[in-house]
C-alpha cells in the first residue's frame, strides 16, 4: 500500500453501523461480542470470539474462529485464512463491514 494511506474496517450495516477501526499491522484484531476483543460488536448473532483480522507477510487476512454463523468475504464463506483486498465486504452475523484503504486524515 502506498504511503499516506491507512487500512480500516467500517461497519456499514448492523447494530454498530458507523463504527470504524484503523488497522495497525503490529496488532491482531479479534472480533466478537466479548468486551476483551479489539473489535467488539453488539450483534447477538456474532459469537463471543468470532473472527480474526491479522497482517501476515505484508497482507491483511481474515479468518473464522469456529463461530456458529460463519464469516463471509464478498458473500463467500471463509473456511481458512483469506486475504483481504480494498473494498472487500466482510459479513459477521448480521453485521456487514467494508475493508478498505483510505488517505490518512480523509473522513470516511
PDB file of N, CA and C in Angstrom:
ATOM      1  N   UNK A   1       0.843  -1.173   0.000  1.00  0.00           N
ATOM      2  CA  UNK A   1       0.000   0.000   0.000  1.00  0.00           C
ATOM      3  C   UNK A   1       0.891   1.240   0.000  1.00  0.00           C
ATOM      4  N   UNK A   2       0.456   2.270  -0.700  1.00  0.00           N
ATOM      5  CA  UNK A   2       1.237   3.491  -0.839  1.00  0.00           C
ATOM      6  C   UNK A   2       1.282   4.285   0.463  1.00  0.00           C
ATOM      7  N   UNK A   3       2.356   5.041   0.611  1.00  0.00           N
ATOM      8  CA  UNK A   3       2.478   5.911   1.789  1.00  0.00           C
ATOM      9  C   UNK A   3       1.339   6.923   1.789  1.00  0.00           C
ATOM     10  N   UNK A   4       0.923   7.331   2.977  1.00  0.00           N
ATOM     11  CA  UNK A   4      -0.158   8.300   3.077  1.00  0.00           C
ATOM     12  C   UNK A   4      -1.535   7.666   3.163  1.00  0.00           C
ATOM     13  N   UNK A   5      -1.585   6.342   3.130  1.00  0.00           N
ATOM     14  CA  UNK A   5      -2.856   5.621   3.234  1.00  0.00           C
ATOM     15  C   UNK A   5      -2.892   4.812   4.521  1.00  0.00           C
ATOM     16  N   UNK A   6      -4.093   4.542   4.989  1.00  0.00           N
ATOM     17  CA  UNK A   6      -4.281   3.662   6.132  1.00  0.00           C
ATOM     18  C   UNK A   6      -5.334   2.626   5.769  1.00  0.00           C
ATOM     19  N   UNK A   7      -5.330   1.535   6.517  1.00  0.00           N
ATOM     20  CA  UNK A   7      -6.279   0.452   6.307  1.00  0.00           C
ATOM     21  C   UNK A   7      -7.329   0.538   7.410  1.00  0.00           C
ATOM     22  N   UNK A   8      -8.586   0.324   7.041  1.00  0.00           N
ATOM     23  CA  UNK A   8      -9.657   0.412   8.019  1.00  0.00           C
ATOM     24  C   UNK A   8     -10.746  -0.599   7.717  1.00  0.00           C
ATOM     25  N   UNK A   9     -11.560  -0.868   8.736  1.00  0.00           N
ATOM     26  CA  UNK A   9     -12.823  -1.562   8.543  1.00  0.00           C
ATOM     27  C   UNK A   9     -13.911  -0.652   9.106  1.00  0.00           C
ATOM     28  N   UNK A  10     -15.011  -0.561   8.368  1.00  0.00           N
ATOM     29  CA  UNK A  10     -16.130   0.288   8.741  1.00  0.00           C
ATOM     30  C   UNK A  10     -17.399  -0.551   8.703  1.00  0.00           C
ATOM     31  N   UNK A  11     -18.193  -0.468   9.767  1.00  0.00           N
ATOM     32  CA  UNK A  11     -19.476  -1.168   9.799  1.00  0.00           C
ATOM     33  C   UNK A  11     -20.469  -0.363   8.965  1.00  0.00           C
ATOM     34  N   UNK A  12     -21.034  -1.008   7.925  1.00  0.00           N
ATOM     35  CA  UNK A  12     -21.971  -0.325   7.036  1.00  0.00           C
ATOM     36  C   UNK A  12     -23.415  -0.762   7.269  1.00  0.00           C
ATOM     37  N   UNK A  13     -23.613  -1.881   7.978  1.00  0.00           N
ATOM     38  CA  UNK A  13     -24.969  -2.268   8.366  1.00  0.00           C
ATOM     39  C   UNK A  13     -24.902  -3.150   9.602  1.00  0.00           C
ATOM     40  N   UNK A  14     -25.947  -3.052  10.415  1.00  0.00           N
ATOM     41  CA  UNK A  14     -25.996  -3.805  11.661  1.00  0.00           C
ATOM     42  C   UNK A  14     -26.062  -2.871  12.850  1.00  0.00           C
ATOM     43  N   UNK A  15     -26.066  -3.465  14.036  1.00  0.00           N
ATOM     44  CA  UNK A  15     -26.204  -2.701  15.284  1.00  0.00           C
ATOM     45  C   UNK A  15     -25.121  -1.650  15.481  1.00  0.00           C
ATOM     46  N   UNK A  16     -23.949  -1.866  14.910  1.00  0.00           N
ATOM     47  CA  UNK A  16     -22.812  -0.966  15.127  1.00  0.00           C
ATOM     48  C   UNK A  16     -22.519  -0.080  13.916  1.00  0.00           C
ATOM     49  N   UNK A  17     -23.525   0.125  13.069  1.00  0.00           N
ATOM     50  CA  UNK A  17     -23.341   0.917  11.839  1.00  0.00           C
ATOM     51  C   UNK A  17     -22.640   2.237  12.148  1.00  0.00           C
ATOM     52  N   UNK A  18     -21.607   2.538  11.347  1.00  0.00           N
ATOM     53  CA  UNK A  18     -20.853   3.770  11.506  1.00  0.00           C
ATOM     54  C   UNK A  18     -19.561   3.626  12.282  1.00  0.00           C
ATOM     55  N   UNK A  19     -19.420   2.546  13.042  1.00  0.00           N
ATOM     56  CA  UNK A  19     -18.161   2.350  13.776  1.00  0.00           C
ATOM     57  C   UNK A  19     -17.041   2.063  12.788  1.00  0.00           C
ATOM     58  N   UNK A  20     -15.832   2.529  13.157  1.00  0.00           N
ATOM     59  CA  UNK A  20     -14.677   2.418  12.254  1.00  0.00           C
ATOM     60  C   UNK A  20     -13.439   2.100  13.081  1.00  0.00           C
ATOM     61  N   UNK A  21     -12.617   1.200  12.555  1.00  0.00           N
ATOM     62  CA  UNK A  21     -11.350   0.865  13.197  1.00  0.00           C
ATOM     63  C   UNK A  21     -10.236   0.990  12.177  1.00  0.00           C
ATOM     64  N   UNK A  22      -9.191   1.740  12.530  1.00  0.00           N
ATOM     65  CA  UNK A  22      -7.988   1.813  11.706  1.00  0.00           C
ATOM     66  C   UNK A  22      -7.109   0.642  12.113  1.00  0.00           C
ATOM     67  N   UNK A  23      -6.653  -0.132  11.135  1.00  0.00           N
ATOM     68  CA  UNK A  23      -5.869  -1.334  11.412  1.00  0.00           C
ATOM     69  C   UNK A  23      -4.377  -1.013  11.383  1.00  0.00           C
ATOM     70  N   UNK A  24      -3.681  -1.492  12.392  1.00  0.00           N
ATOM     71  CA  UNK A  24      -2.235  -1.298  12.527  1.00  0.00           C
ATOM     72  C   UNK A  24      -1.581  -2.666  12.347  1.00  0.00           C
ATOM     73  N   UNK A  25      -0.590  -2.778  11.453  1.00  0.00           N
ATOM     74  CA  UNK A  25      -0.021  -4.093  11.135  1.00  0.00           C
ATOM     75  C   UNK A  25       0.536  -4.877  12.320  1.00  0.00           C
ATOM     76  N   UNK A  26       0.939  -4.221  13.390  1.00  0.00           N
ATOM     77  CA  UNK A  26       1.540  -4.928  14.528  1.00  0.00           C
ATOM     78  C   UNK A  26       0.501  -5.471  15.504  1.00  0.00           C
ATOM     79  N   UNK A  27      -0.782  -5.269  15.219  1.00  0.00           N
ATOM     80  CA  UNK A  27      -1.852  -5.693  16.122  1.00  0.00           C
ATOM     81  C   UNK A  27      -2.763  -6.694  15.428  1.00  0.00           C
ATOM     82  N   UNK A  28      -3.114  -7.777  16.141  1.00  0.00           N
ATOM     83  CA  UNK A  28      -4.134  -8.719  15.662  1.00  0.00           C
ATOM     84  C   UNK A  28      -5.485  -8.231  16.155  1.00  0.00           C
ATOM     85  N   UNK A  29      -6.490  -8.278  15.294  1.00  0.00           N
ATOM     86  CA  UNK A  29      -7.822  -7.762  15.615  1.00  0.00           C
ATOM     87  C   UNK A  29      -8.807  -8.912  15.733  1.00  0.00           C
ATOM     88  N   UNK A  30      -9.055  -9.330  16.986  1.00  0.00           N
ATOM     89  CA  UNK A  30     -10.092 -10.338  17.201  1.00  0.00           C
ATOM     90  C   UNK A  30     -11.427  -9.612  17.253  1.00  0.00           C
ATOM     91  N   UNK A  31     -12.436 -10.262  16.675  1.00  0.00           N
ATOM     92  CA  UNK A  31     -13.761  -9.660  16.519  1.00  0.00           C
ATOM     93  C   UNK A  31     -14.776 -10.551  17.208  1.00  0.00           C
ATOM     94  N   UNK A  32     -15.665  -9.940  17.979  1.00  0.00           N
ATOM     95  CA  UNK A  32     -16.709 -10.709  18.641  1.00  0.00           C
ATOM     96  C   UNK A  32     -17.502  -9.857  19.613  1.00  0.00           C
ATOM     97  N   UNK A  33     -18.388 -10.511  20.364  1.00  0.00           N
ATOM     98  CA  UNK A  33     -19.239  -9.813  21.340  1.00  0.00           C
ATOM     99  C   UNK A  33     -18.532  -9.530  22.659  1.00  0.00           C
ATOM    100  N   UNK A  34     -17.547 -10.339  23.039  1.00  0.00           N
ATOM    101  CA  UNK A  34     -16.864 -10.134  24.327  1.00  0.00           C
ATOM    102  C   UNK A  34     -16.130  -8.800  24.358  1.00  0.00           C
ATOM    103  N   UNK A  35     -16.162  -8.170  25.508  1.00  0.00           N
ATOM    104  CA  UNK A  35     -15.535  -6.861  25.683  1.00  0.00           C
ATOM    105  C   UNK A  35     -14.014  -6.901  25.525  1.00  0.00           C
ATOM    106  N   UNK A  36     -13.392  -8.072  25.641  1.00  0.00           N
ATOM    107  CA  UNK A  36     -11.938  -8.145  25.521  1.00  0.00           C
ATOM    108  C   UNK A  36     -11.453  -8.286  24.077  1.00  0.00           C
ATOM    109  N   UNK A  37     -12.358  -8.282  23.100  1.00  0.00           N
ATOM    110  CA  UNK A  37     -11.962  -8.277  21.690  1.00  0.00           C
ATOM    111  C   UNK A  37     -11.511  -6.871  21.296  1.00  0.00           C
ATOM    112  N   UNK A  38     -10.620  -6.781  20.341  1.00  0.00           N
ATOM    113  CA  UNK A  38     -10.216  -5.455  19.838  1.00  0.00           C
ATOM    114  C   UNK A  38     -11.364  -4.794  19.087  1.00  0.00           C
ATOM    115  N   UNK A  39     -12.150  -5.590  18.366  1.00  0.00           N
ATOM    116  CA  UNK A  39     -13.339  -5.086  17.676  1.00  0.00           C
ATOM    117  C   UNK A  39     -14.542  -5.758  18.313  1.00  0.00           C
ATOM    118  N   UNK A  40     -15.288  -4.982  19.078  1.00  0.00           N
ATOM    119  CA  UNK A  40     -16.448  -5.506  19.807  1.00  0.00           C
ATOM    120  C   UNK A  40     -17.714  -5.128  19.039  1.00  0.00           C
ATOM    121  N   UNK A  41     -18.536  -6.139  18.741  1.00  0.00           N
ATOM    122  CA  UNK A  41     -19.798  -5.926  18.036  1.00  0.00           C
ATOM    123  C   UNK A  41     -20.963  -6.280  18.949  1.00  0.00           C
ATOM    124  N   UNK A  42     -22.032  -5.497  18.869  1.00  0.00           N
ATOM    125  CA  UNK A  42     -23.216  -5.715  19.700  1.00  0.00           C
ATOM    126  C   UNK A  42     -24.164  -6.766  19.120  1.00  0.00           C
ATOM    127  N   UNK A  43     -23.990  -7.128  17.883  1.00  0.00           N
ATOM    128  CA  UNK A  43     -24.848  -8.071  17.168  1.00  0.00           C
ATOM    129  C   UNK A  43     -24.930  -9.408  17.920  1.00  0.00           C
ATOM    130  N   UNK A  44     -26.129  -9.813  18.318  1.00  0.00           N
ATOM    131  CA  UNK A  44     -26.326 -11.054  19.085  1.00  0.00           C
ATOM    132  C   UNK A  44     -26.049 -12.313  18.261  1.00  0.00           C
ATOM    133  N   UNK A  45     -25.975 -12.199  16.919  1.00  0.00           N
ATOM    134  CA  UNK A  45     -25.662 -13.365  16.088  1.00  0.00           C
ATOM    135  C   UNK A  45     -24.153 -13.557  15.920  1.00  0.00           C
ATOM    136  N   UNK A  46     -23.375 -12.641  16.497  1.00  0.00           N
ATOM    137  CA  UNK A  46     -21.911 -12.735  16.471  1.00  0.00           C
ATOM    138  C   UNK A  46     -21.467 -13.527  17.694  1.00  0.00           C
ATOM    139  N   UNK A  47     -20.544 -14.445  17.498  1.00  0.00           N
ATOM    140  CA  UNK A  47     -20.014 -15.241  18.609  1.00  0.00           C
ATOM    141  C   UNK A  47     -19.177 -14.363  19.539  1.00  0.00           C
ATOM    142  N   UNK A  48     -18.940 -14.869  20.746  1.00  0.00           N
ATOM    143  CA  UNK A  48     -18.135 -14.120  21.721  1.00  0.00           C
ATOM    144  C   UNK A  48     -16.753 -13.815  21.162  1.00  0.00           C
ATOM    145  N   UNK A  49     -16.170 -14.762  20.479  1.00  0.00           N
ATOM    146  CA  UNK A  49     -14.896 -14.583  19.772  1.00  0.00           C
ATOM    147  C   UNK A  49     -15.098 -15.212  18.404  1.00  0.00           C
ATOM    148  N   UNK A  50     -15.387 -14.399  17.411  1.00  0.00           N
ATOM    149  CA  UNK A  50     -15.928 -14.844  16.132  1.00  0.00           C
ATOM    150  C   UNK A  50     -14.880 -14.974  15.025  1.00  0.00           C
ATOM    151  N   UNK A  51     -14.115 -13.904  14.806  1.00  0.00           N
ATOM    152  CA  UNK A  51     -13.176 -13.825  13.678  1.00  0.00           C
ATOM    153  C   UNK A  51     -11.892 -13.133  14.099  1.00  0.00           C
ATOM    154  N   UNK A  52     -10.914 -13.204  13.213  1.00  0.00           N
ATOM    155  CA  UNK A  52      -9.622 -12.566  13.455  1.00  0.00           C
ATOM    156  C   UNK A  52      -9.152 -11.915  12.166  1.00  0.00           C
ATOM    157  N   UNK A  53      -8.718 -10.655  12.257  1.00  0.00           N
ATOM    158  CA  UNK A  53      -8.049  -9.975  11.143  1.00  0.00           C
ATOM    159  C   UNK A  53      -6.608  -9.762  11.571  1.00  0.00           C
ATOM    160  N   UNK A  54      -5.666 -10.188  10.719  1.00  0.00           N
ATOM    161  CA  UNK A  54      -4.257 -10.010  11.065  1.00  0.00           C
ATOM    162  C   UNK A  54      -3.424  -9.768   9.817  1.00  0.00           C
ATOM    163  N   UNK A  55      -2.277  -9.127  10.029  1.00  0.00           N
ATOM    164  CA  UNK A  55      -1.336  -8.760   8.976  1.00  0.00           C
ATOM    165  C   UNK A  55      -0.198  -9.769   8.988  1.00  0.00           C
ATOM    166  N   UNK A  56      -0.029 -10.505   7.892  1.00  0.00           N
ATOM    167  CA  UNK A  56       0.999 -11.538   7.808  1.00  0.00           C
ATOM    168  C   UNK A  56       1.745 -11.382   6.484  1.00  0.00           C
ATOM    169  N   UNK A  57       3.057 -11.234   6.558  1.00  0.00           N
ATOM    170  CA  UNK A  57       3.903 -11.130   5.364  1.00  0.00           C
ATOM    171  C   UNK A  57       3.401 -10.094   4.364  1.00  0.00           C
ATOM    172  N   UNK A  58       2.992  -8.935   4.886  1.00  0.00           N
ATOM    173  CA  UNK A  58       2.586  -7.830   4.025  1.00  0.00           C
ATOM    174  C   UNK A  58       1.154  -7.883   3.524  1.00  0.00           C
ATOM    175  N   UNK A  59       0.359  -8.819   4.019  1.00  0.00           N
ATOM    176  CA  UNK A  59      -1.020  -8.988   3.550  1.00  0.00           C
ATOM    177  C   UNK A  59      -1.953  -9.050   4.755  1.00  0.00           C
ATOM    178  N   UNK A  60      -3.111  -8.376   4.648  1.00  0.00           N
ATOM    179  CA  UNK A  60      -4.154  -8.478   5.667  1.00  0.00           C
ATOM    180  C   UNK A  60      -5.020  -9.686   5.360  1.00  0.00           C
ATOM    181  N   UNK A  61      -5.310 -10.470   6.402  1.00  0.00           N
ATOM    182  CA  UNK A  61      -6.131 -11.676   6.270  1.00  0.00           C
ATOM    183  C   UNK A  61      -7.269 -11.634   7.282  1.00  0.00           C
ATOM    184  N   UNK A  62      -8.357 -12.351   6.963  1.00  0.00           N
ATOM    185  CA  UNK A  62      -9.423 -12.596   7.928  1.00  0.00           C
ATOM    186  C   UNK A  62      -9.608 -14.102   8.019  1.00  0.00           C
ATOM    187  N   UNK A  63      -9.955 -14.578   9.201  1.00  0.00           N
ATOM    188  CA  UNK A  63     -10.277 -15.995   9.356  1.00  0.00           C
ATOM    189  C   UNK A  63     -11.363 -16.152  10.406  1.00  0.00           C
ATOM    190  N   UNK A  64     -12.164 -17.182  10.242  1.00  0.00           N
ATOM    191  CA  UNK A  64     -13.205 -17.501  11.200  1.00  0.00           C
ATOM    192  C   UNK A  64     -12.562 -18.281  12.344  1.00  0.00           C
ATOM    193  N   UNK A  65     -13.074 -18.094  13.544  1.00  0.00           N
ATOM    194  CA  UNK A  65     -12.516 -18.767  14.722  1.00  0.00           C
ATOM    195  C   UNK A  65     -13.464 -19.856  15.238  1.00  0.00           C
ATOM    196  N   UNK A  66     -14.123 -20.545  14.311  1.00  0.00           N
ATOM    197  CA  UNK A  66     -15.028 -21.619  14.695  1.00  0.00           C
ATOM    198  C   UNK A  66     -16.385 -21.104  15.154  1.00  0.00           C
ATOM    199  N   UNK A  67     -16.798 -19.972  14.621  1.00  0.00           N
ATOM    200  CA  UNK A  67     -18.067 -19.362  15.020  1.00  0.00           C
ATOM    201  C   UNK A  67     -19.261 -20.187  14.550  1.00  0.00           C
ATOM    202  N   UNK A  68     -20.380 -19.921  15.159  1.00  0.00           N
ATOM    203  CA  UNK A  68     -21.606 -20.653  14.833  1.00  0.00           C
ATOM    204  C   UNK A  68     -22.178 -20.258  13.470  1.00  0.00           C
ATOM    205  N   UNK A  69     -22.140 -18.963  13.151  1.00  0.00           N
ATOM    206  CA  UNK A  69     -22.775 -18.464  11.929  1.00  0.00           C
ATOM    207  C   UNK A  69     -21.798 -18.161  10.796  1.00  0.00           C
ATOM    208  N   UNK A  70     -20.521 -18.337  11.026  1.00  0.00           N
ATOM    209  CA  UNK A  70     -19.531 -18.169   9.969  1.00  0.00           C
ATOM    210  C   UNK A  70     -19.111 -16.733   9.721  1.00  0.00           C
ATOM    211  N   UNK A  71     -18.061 -16.628   8.938  1.00  0.00           N
ATOM    212  CA  UNK A  71     -17.512 -15.356   8.477  1.00  0.00           C
ATOM    213  C   UNK A  71     -17.509 -15.414   6.955  1.00  0.00           C
ATOM    214  N   UNK A  72     -17.931 -14.319   6.315  1.00  0.00           N
ATOM    215  CA  UNK A  72     -18.054 -14.282   4.866  1.00  0.00           C
ATOM    216  C   UNK A  72     -17.300 -13.085   4.310  1.00  0.00           C
ATOM    217  N   UNK A  73     -16.629 -13.287   3.170  1.00  0.00           N
ATOM    218  CA  UNK A  73     -15.987 -12.197   2.441  1.00  0.00           C
ATOM    219  C   UNK A  73     -16.606 -12.196   1.053  1.00  0.00           C
ATOM    220  N   UNK A  74     -17.219 -11.074   0.705  1.00  0.00           N
ATOM    221  CA  UNK A  74     -17.923 -10.953  -0.578  1.00  0.00           C
ATOM    222  C   UNK A  74     -18.910 -12.102  -0.764  1.00  0.00           C
ATOM    223  N   UNK A  75     -19.617 -12.429   0.317  1.00  0.00           N
ATOM    224  CA  UNK A  75     -20.656 -13.473   0.392  1.00  0.00           C
ATOM    225  C   UNK A  75     -20.133 -14.902   0.188  1.00  0.00           C
ATOM    226  N   UNK A  76     -18.825 -15.082   0.265  1.00  0.00           N
ATOM    227  CA  UNK A  76     -18.217 -16.416   0.206  1.00  0.00           C
ATOM    228  C   UNK A  76     -17.737 -16.776   1.612  1.00  0.00           C
ATOM    229  N   UNK A  77     -18.200 -17.923   2.122  1.00  0.00           N
ATOM    230  CA  UNK A  77     -17.829 -18.312   3.477  1.00  0.00           C
ATOM    231  C   UNK A  77     -16.338 -18.603   3.569  1.00  0.00           C
ATOM    232  N   UNK A  78     -15.734 -18.100   4.630  1.00  0.00           N
ATOM    233  CA  UNK A  78     -14.306 -18.267   4.878  1.00  0.00           C
ATOM    234  C   UNK A  78     -14.121 -19.529   5.713  1.00  0.00           C
ATOM    235  N   UNK A  79     -13.398 -20.500   5.176  1.00  0.00           N
ATOM    236  CA  UNK A  79     -13.119 -21.709   5.943  1.00  0.00           C
ATOM    237  C   UNK A  79     -11.672 -21.721   6.446  1.00  0.00           C
ATOM    238  N   UNK A  80     -10.816 -20.990   5.764  1.00  0.00           N
ATOM    239  CA  UNK A  80      -9.414 -20.833   6.166  1.00  0.00           C
ATOM    240  C   UNK A  80      -9.079 -19.353   6.104  1.00  0.00           C
ATOM    241  N   UNK A  81      -7.869 -19.018   6.422  1.00  0.00           N
ATOM    242  CA  UNK A  81      -7.432 -17.623   6.341  1.00  0.00           C
ATOM    243  C   UNK A  81      -7.602 -17.128   4.904  1.00  0.00           C
ATOM    244  N   UNK A  82      -8.196 -15.937   4.745  1.00  0.00           N
ATOM    245  CA  UNK A  82      -8.455 -15.376   3.417  1.00  0.00           C
ATOM    246  C   UNK A  82      -7.874 -13.974   3.327  1.00  0.00           C
ATOM    247  N   UNK A  83      -7.133 -13.716   2.244  1.00  0.00           N
ATOM    248  CA  UNK A  83      -6.552 -12.393   2.010  1.00  0.00           C
ATOM    249  C   UNK A  83      -7.659 -11.376   1.762  1.00  0.00           C
ATOM    250  N   UNK A  84      -7.439 -10.165   2.270  1.00  0.00           N
ATOM    251  CA  UNK A  84      -8.391  -9.080   2.067  1.00  0.00           C
ATOM    252  C   UNK A  84      -7.847  -8.074   1.065  1.00  0.00           C
ATOM    253  N   UNK A  85      -8.755  -7.544   0.249  1.00  0.00           N
ATOM    254  CA  UNK A  85      -8.413  -6.544  -0.756  1.00  0.00           C
ATOM    255  C   UNK A  85      -9.324  -5.332  -0.588  1.00  0.00           C
ATOM    256  N   UNK A  86      -8.863  -4.197  -1.084  1.00  0.00           N
ATOM    257  CA  UNK A  86      -9.607  -2.951  -0.961  1.00  0.00           C
ATOM    258  C   UNK A  86     -11.061  -3.123  -1.387  1.00  0.00           C
ATOM    259  N   UNK A  87     -11.964  -2.653  -0.537  1.00  0.00           N
ATOM    260  CA  UNK A  87     -13.415  -2.667  -0.746  1.00  0.00           C
ATOM    261  C   UNK A  87     -14.057  -4.043  -0.573  1.00  0.00           C
ATOM    262  N   UNK A  88     -13.340  -5.009  -0.006  1.00  0.00           N
ATOM    263  CA  UNK A  88     -13.959  -6.299   0.306  1.00  0.00           C
ATOM    264  C   UNK A  88     -15.051  -6.097   1.350  1.00  0.00           C
ATOM    265  N   UNK A  89     -16.117  -6.875   1.222  1.00  0.00           N
ATOM    266  CA  UNK A  89     -17.238  -6.842   2.155  1.00  0.00           C
ATOM    267  C   UNK A  89     -17.093  -8.029   3.104  1.00  0.00           C
ATOM    268  N   UNK A  90     -17.022  -7.749   4.393  1.00  0.00           N
ATOM    269  CA  UNK A  90     -16.907  -8.792   5.418  1.00  0.00           C
ATOM    270  C   UNK A  90     -18.240  -8.857   6.158  1.00  0.00           C
ATOM    271  N   UNK A  91     -18.839 -10.052   6.199  1.00  0.00           N
ATOM    272  CA  UNK A  91     -20.086 -10.218   6.946  1.00  0.00           C
ATOM    273  C   UNK A  91     -19.856 -11.179   8.086  1.00  0.00           C
ATOM    274  N   UNK A  92     -20.213 -10.721   9.275  1.00  0.00           N
ATOM    275  CA  UNK A  92     -20.078 -11.491  10.501  1.00  0.00           C
ATOM    276  C   UNK A  92     -21.429 -11.419  11.190  1.00  0.00           C
ATOM    277  N   UNK A  93     -22.139 -12.527  11.277  1.00  0.00           N
ATOM    278  CA  UNK A  93     -23.504 -12.494  11.790  1.00  0.00           C
ATOM    279  C   UNK A  93     -24.356 -11.623  10.890  1.00  0.00           C
ATOM    280  N   UNK A  94     -25.081 -10.669  11.498  1.00  0.00           N
ATOM    281  CA  UNK A  94     -25.895  -9.730  10.722  1.00  0.00           C
ATOM    282  C   UNK A  94     -25.168  -8.405  10.507  1.00  0.00           C
ATOM    283  N   UNK A  95     -23.891  -8.368  10.817  1.00  0.00           N
ATOM    284  CA  UNK A  95     -23.082  -7.156  10.695  1.00  0.00           C
ATOM    285  C   UNK A  95     -22.270  -7.210   9.405  1.00  0.00           C
ATOM    286  N   UNK A  96     -22.321  -6.119   8.647  1.00  0.00           N
ATOM    287  CA  UNK A  96     -21.542  -6.016   7.408  1.00  0.00           C
ATOM    288  C   UNK A  96     -20.535  -4.897   7.559  1.00  0.00           C
ATOM    289  N   UNK A  97     -19.280  -5.220   7.224  1.00  0.00           N
ATOM    290  CA  UNK A  97     -18.193  -4.245   7.293  1.00  0.00           C
ATOM    291  C   UNK A  97     -17.506  -4.171   5.937  1.00  0.00           C
ATOM    292  N   UNK A  98     -16.908  -3.024   5.660  1.00  0.00           N
ATOM    293  CA  UNK A  98     -16.104  -2.860   4.452  1.00  0.00           C
ATOM    294  C   UNK A  98     -14.658  -2.669   4.877  1.00  0.00           C
ATOM    295  N   UNK A  99     -13.772  -3.469   4.278  1.00  0.00           N
ATOM    296  CA  UNK A  99     -12.329  -3.341   4.466  1.00  0.00           C
ATOM    297  C   UNK A  99     -11.835  -2.412   3.368  1.00  0.00           C
ATOM    298  N   UNK A 100     -11.000  -1.445   3.709  1.00  0.00           N
ATOM    299  CA  UNK A 100     -10.534  -0.561   2.648  1.00  0.00           C
ATOM    300  C   UNK A 100      -9.317   0.250   3.002  1.00  0.00           C
ATOM    301  N   UNK A 101      -8.741   0.836   1.959  1.00  0.00           N
ATOM    302  CA  UNK A 101      -7.592   1.716   2.066  1.00  0.00           C
ATOM    303  C   UNK A 101      -8.097   3.143   1.859  1.00  0.00           C
ATOM    304  N   UNK A 102      -7.771   4.035   2.771  1.00  0.00           N
ATOM    305  CA  UNK A 102      -8.184   5.439   2.644  1.00  0.00           C
ATOM    306  C   UNK A 102      -6.989   6.331   2.925  1.00  0.00           C
ATOM    307  N   UNK A 103      -7.020   7.543   2.355  1.00  0.00           N
ATOM    308  CA  UNK A 103      -5.963   8.516   2.650  1.00  0.00           C
ATOM    309  C   UNK A 103      -6.016   8.912   4.103  1.00  0.00           C
ATOM    310  N   UNK A 104      -4.862   9.015   4.711  1.00  0.00           N
ATOM    311  CA  UNK A 104      -4.800   9.451   6.113  1.00  0.00           C
ATOM    312  C   UNK A 104      -5.458  10.806   6.235  1.00  0.00           C
ATOM    313  N   UNK A 105      -6.285  10.931   7.265  1.00  0.00           N
ATOM    314  CA  UNK A 105      -6.951  12.190   7.549  1.00  0.00           C
ATOM    315  C   UNK A 105      -8.207  12.442   6.729  1.00  0.00           C
ATOM    316  N   UNK A 106      -8.507  11.572   5.769  1.00  0.00           N
ATOM    317  CA  UNK A 106      -9.717  11.738   4.957  1.00  0.00           C
ATOM    318  C   UNK A 106     -10.882  11.084   5.681  1.00  0.00           C
ATOM    319  N   UNK A 107     -11.979  11.815   5.892  1.00  0.00           N
ATOM    320  CA  UNK A 107     -13.133  11.203   6.559  1.00  0.00           C
ATOM    321  C   UNK A 107     -13.750  10.107   5.704  1.00  0.00           C
ATOM    322  N   UNK A 108     -14.381   9.123   6.389  1.00  0.00           N
ATOM    323  CA  UNK A 108     -14.988   8.006   5.655  1.00  0.00           C
ATOM    324  C   UNK A 108     -16.370   8.352   5.177  1.00  0.00           C
TER     325      UNK A 108
END
